[in-house]
Amino acid sequence: MTSLAQLVTALNRGLFAMAKWLVYAIVFLMLWEVVSRYFFAHPTSWAPELATLIFGPFFLLGGPYLLHLGGHVAVDVLSEKASGRFAKLLHLLGLALAVAFGAILLWFSLPLVLQSFSYGETSYSAWNPVLWPAKCFLPLASLLLVLQALANAILTFADTEAA
């Protein structure tokens, strides 16, 4: 089981390593927009919207790996003072809440993506891109968040048994 948990963590680490480079694409797009608008007096209709669509995967794919790192905002008034089994119990409770959150998000976002795909939904802007490719990252990231929370729970139990 721990090898499966480590595989999930490695997958999320790899996706995060790829997604973090998207910020450079966003910067380039915004730079291109500024140069086109102010130096050539010819703003683009697509660069700001594409940057917005790229920001979704950038933001969402970092969440599952950030859960593994413990980098999410936490209210640690109680857990800071806890130790031993109680600390592990609080950690597992937090992971259970992450699983519930991810499962609910997956449950509600997947039908929206499927509907967007079946209708060929577009943004109705001047550029008018198809939206389902960007929307599909929400259920994907939700699934990865659930898997990472379960992986963290497995690794927590493995640490408990090893101790």
Protein backbone atom coordinates (compact mmCIF):
# COMPACT_ATOMS: atom_id res chain seq x y z
CA MET A 1 0.00 0.00 0.00
CA THR A 2 2.79 2.43 0.78
CA SER A 3 4.23 1.95 -2.70
CA LEU A 4 0.85 2.93 -4.17
CA ALA A 5 0.78 5.99 -1.91
CA GLN A 6 4.29 6.92 -3.01
CA LEU A 7 3.23 6.46 -6.66
CA VAL A 8 0.30 8.88 -6.18
CA THR A 9 2.63 11.38 -4.53
CA ALA A 10 5.17 11.02 -7.36
CA LEU A 11 2.40 11.56 -9.93
CA ASN A 12 1.24 14.73 -8.17
CA ARG A 13 4.82 15.93 -7.81
CA GLY A 14 5.40 15.40 -11.54
CA LEU A 15 2.18 17.17 -12.54
CA PHE A 16 3.07 20.08 -10.26
CA ALA A 17 6.58 20.21 -11.74
CA MET A 18 5.03 20.55 -15.21
CA ALA A 19 2.22 22.91 -14.18
CA LYS A 20 4.53 25.40 -12.46
CA TRP A 21 6.01 26.27 -15.85
CA LEU A 22 2.60 27.50 -17.01
CA VAL A 23 3.21 30.71 -15.08
CA TYR A 24 5.85 31.58 -17.69
CA ALA A 25 3.30 31.09 -20.46
CA ILE A 26 0.94 33.44 -18.62
CA VAL A 27 3.68 36.05 -18.21
CA PHE A 28 4.61 35.77 -21.90
CA LEU A 29 0.96 36.15 -22.95
CA MET A 30 0.48 39.23 -20.79
CA LEU A 31 3.74 40.71 -22.04
CA TRP A 32 2.63 40.07 -25.61
CA GLU A 33 -0.70 41.75 -24.89
CA VAL A 34 0.95 44.84 -23.38
CA VAL A 35 3.42 45.17 -26.26
CA SER A 36 0.68 44.71 -28.88
CA ARG A 37 -1.62 47.15 -27.17
CA TYR A 38 0.77 49.98 -26.30
CA PHE A 39 3.56 49.72 -28.86
CA PHE A 40 1.62 48.55 -31.92
CA ALA A 41 -1.84 49.92 -30.96
CA HIS A 42 -3.28 46.54 -31.87
CA PRO A 43 -4.47 44.62 -28.80
CA THR A 44 -5.15 40.92 -29.11
CA SER A 45 -8.57 39.43 -28.50
CA TRP A 46 -7.15 36.11 -27.33
CA ALA A 47 -4.13 36.67 -25.04
CA PRO A 48 -5.95 37.76 -21.84
CA GLU A 49 -8.53 35.00 -22.22
CA LEU A 50 -5.89 32.35 -22.93
CA ALA A 51 -3.91 33.47 -19.88
CA THR A 52 -7.07 33.08 -17.79
CA LEU A 53 -7.69 29.60 -19.20
CA ILE A 54 -4.09 28.57 -18.50
CA PHE A 55 -4.25 29.86 -14.93
CA GLY A 56 -6.85 27.21 -14.02
CA PRO A 57 -4.58 24.19 -14.59
CA PHE A 58 -1.64 26.08 -13.04
CA PHE A 59 -3.63 26.70 -9.88
CA LEU A 60 -5.48 23.37 -9.68
CA LEU A 61 -2.58 20.98 -10.32
CA GLY A 62 -0.60 22.47 -7.46
CA GLY A 63 -3.24 21.65 -4.85
CA PRO A 64 -2.79 17.88 -4.50
CA TYR A 65 0.99 18.11 -4.16
CA LEU A 66 0.65 21.04 -1.78
CA LEU A 67 -1.54 18.79 0.39
CA HIS A 68 1.33 16.32 0.57
CA LEU A 69 3.74 19.09 1.56
CA GLY A 70 1.34 20.38 4.21
CA GLY A 71 1.32 23.78 2.58
CA HIS A 72 -2.39 24.55 2.74
CA VAL A 73 -3.68 27.13 5.19
CA ALA A 74 -4.48 25.43 8.49
CA VAL A 75 -6.03 26.44 11.76
CA ASP A 76 -3.56 24.78 14.07
CA VAL A 77 -4.63 26.09 17.45
CA LEU A 78 -5.38 22.55 18.62
CA SER A 79 -3.02 20.52 16.47
CA GLU A 80 -0.03 22.68 17.41
CA LYS A 81 -0.36 21.59 21.03
CA ALA A 82 -1.24 17.96 20.23
CA SER A 83 1.28 15.17 20.26
CA GLY A 84 1.43 11.43 19.75
CA ARG A 85 -1.71 9.57 18.80
CA PHE A 86 -3.95 12.62 19.19
CA ALA A 87 -1.84 14.57 16.69
CA LYS A 88 -2.09 11.70 14.19
CA LEU A 89 -5.83 11.50 14.77
CA LEU A 90 -6.21 15.22 14.04
CA HIS A 91 -4.06 14.80 10.92
CA LEU A 92 -6.24 11.90 9.74
CA LEU A 93 -9.39 13.92 10.45
CA GLY A 94 -8.03 16.73 8.27
CA LEU A 95 -7.29 14.22 5.51
CA ALA A 96 -10.83 12.83 5.80
CA LEU A 97 -12.16 16.36 5.31
CA ALA A 98 -9.90 16.76 2.26
CA VAL A 99 -11.28 13.51 0.82
CA ALA A 100 -14.86 14.72 1.43
CA PHE A 101 -14.13 18.11 -0.15
CA GLY A 102 -12.43 16.54 -3.19
CA ALA A 103 -15.19 13.96 -3.64
CA ILE A 104 -17.93 16.60 -3.50
CA LEU A 105 -16.04 18.80 -5.94
CA LEU A 106 -15.51 15.83 -8.27
CA TRP A 107 -19.18 14.83 -8.01
CA PHE A 108 -20.43 18.27 -9.00
CA SER A 109 -17.74 19.29 -11.51
CA LEU A 110 -17.63 16.17 -13.68
CA PRO A 111 -21.18 16.57 -15.07
CA LEU A 112 -20.43 20.21 -15.89
CA VAL A 113 -17.36 19.20 -17.91
CA LEU A 114 -19.28 16.45 -19.72
CA GLN A 115 -22.07 18.91 -20.51
CA SER A 116 -19.55 21.48 -21.74
CA PHE A 117 -17.98 18.83 -24.00
CA SER A 118 -21.30 17.56 -25.38
CA TYR A 119 -22.57 21.08 -26.15
CA GLY A 120 -19.25 22.29 -27.53
CA GLU A 121 -19.42 25.19 -25.08
CA THR A 122 -17.42 28.25 -26.00
CA SER A 123 -16.72 31.48 -24.15
CA TYR A 124 -18.79 33.63 -26.53
CA SER A 125 -16.01 36.17 -26.65
CA ALA A 126 -14.41 37.63 -29.77
CA TRP A 127 -11.88 34.77 -29.74
CA ASN A 128 -14.49 32.18 -28.68
CA PRO A 129 -12.38 29.18 -27.59
CA VAL A 130 -13.86 25.82 -26.64
CA LEU A 131 -13.98 25.64 -22.82
CA TRP A 132 -14.11 21.95 -21.92
CA PRO A 133 -10.32 21.41 -22.09
CA ALA A 134 -9.80 24.04 -19.39
CA LYS A 135 -12.81 22.87 -17.37
CA CYS A 136 -11.61 19.25 -17.30
CA PHE A 137 -8.82 20.20 -14.90
CA LEU A 138 -11.27 20.75 -12.04
CA PRO A 139 -12.50 17.14 -11.79
CA LEU A 140 -8.98 15.88 -12.54
CA ALA A 141 -7.49 17.96 -9.73
CA SER A 142 -10.34 16.92 -7.43
CA LEU A 143 -9.60 13.25 -8.10
CA LEU A 144 -5.89 13.83 -7.55
CA LEU A 145 -6.65 15.64 -4.29
CA VAL A 146 -8.73 12.68 -3.06
CA LEU A 147 -5.99 10.24 -4.07
CA GLN A 148 -3.30 12.35 -2.38
CA ALA A 149 -5.32 12.60 0.84
CA LEU A 150 -5.75 8.82 0.84
CA ALA A 151 -2.04 8.39 0.09
CA ASN A 152 -1.15 10.69 2.99
CA ALA A 153 -3.44 8.65 5.26
CA ILE A 154 -1.71 5.43 4.17
CA LEU A 155 1.68 6.97 4.83
CA THR A 156 0.49 8.21 8.24
CA PHE A 157 -0.67 4.70 9.16
CA ALA A 158 2.63 3.27 7.89
CA ASP A 159 4.52 5.70 10.16
CA THR A 160 2.33 4.67 13.10
CA GLU A 161 3.05 0.98 12.52
CA ALA A 162 6.77 1.60 12.08
CA ALA A 163 7.00 3.55 15.35
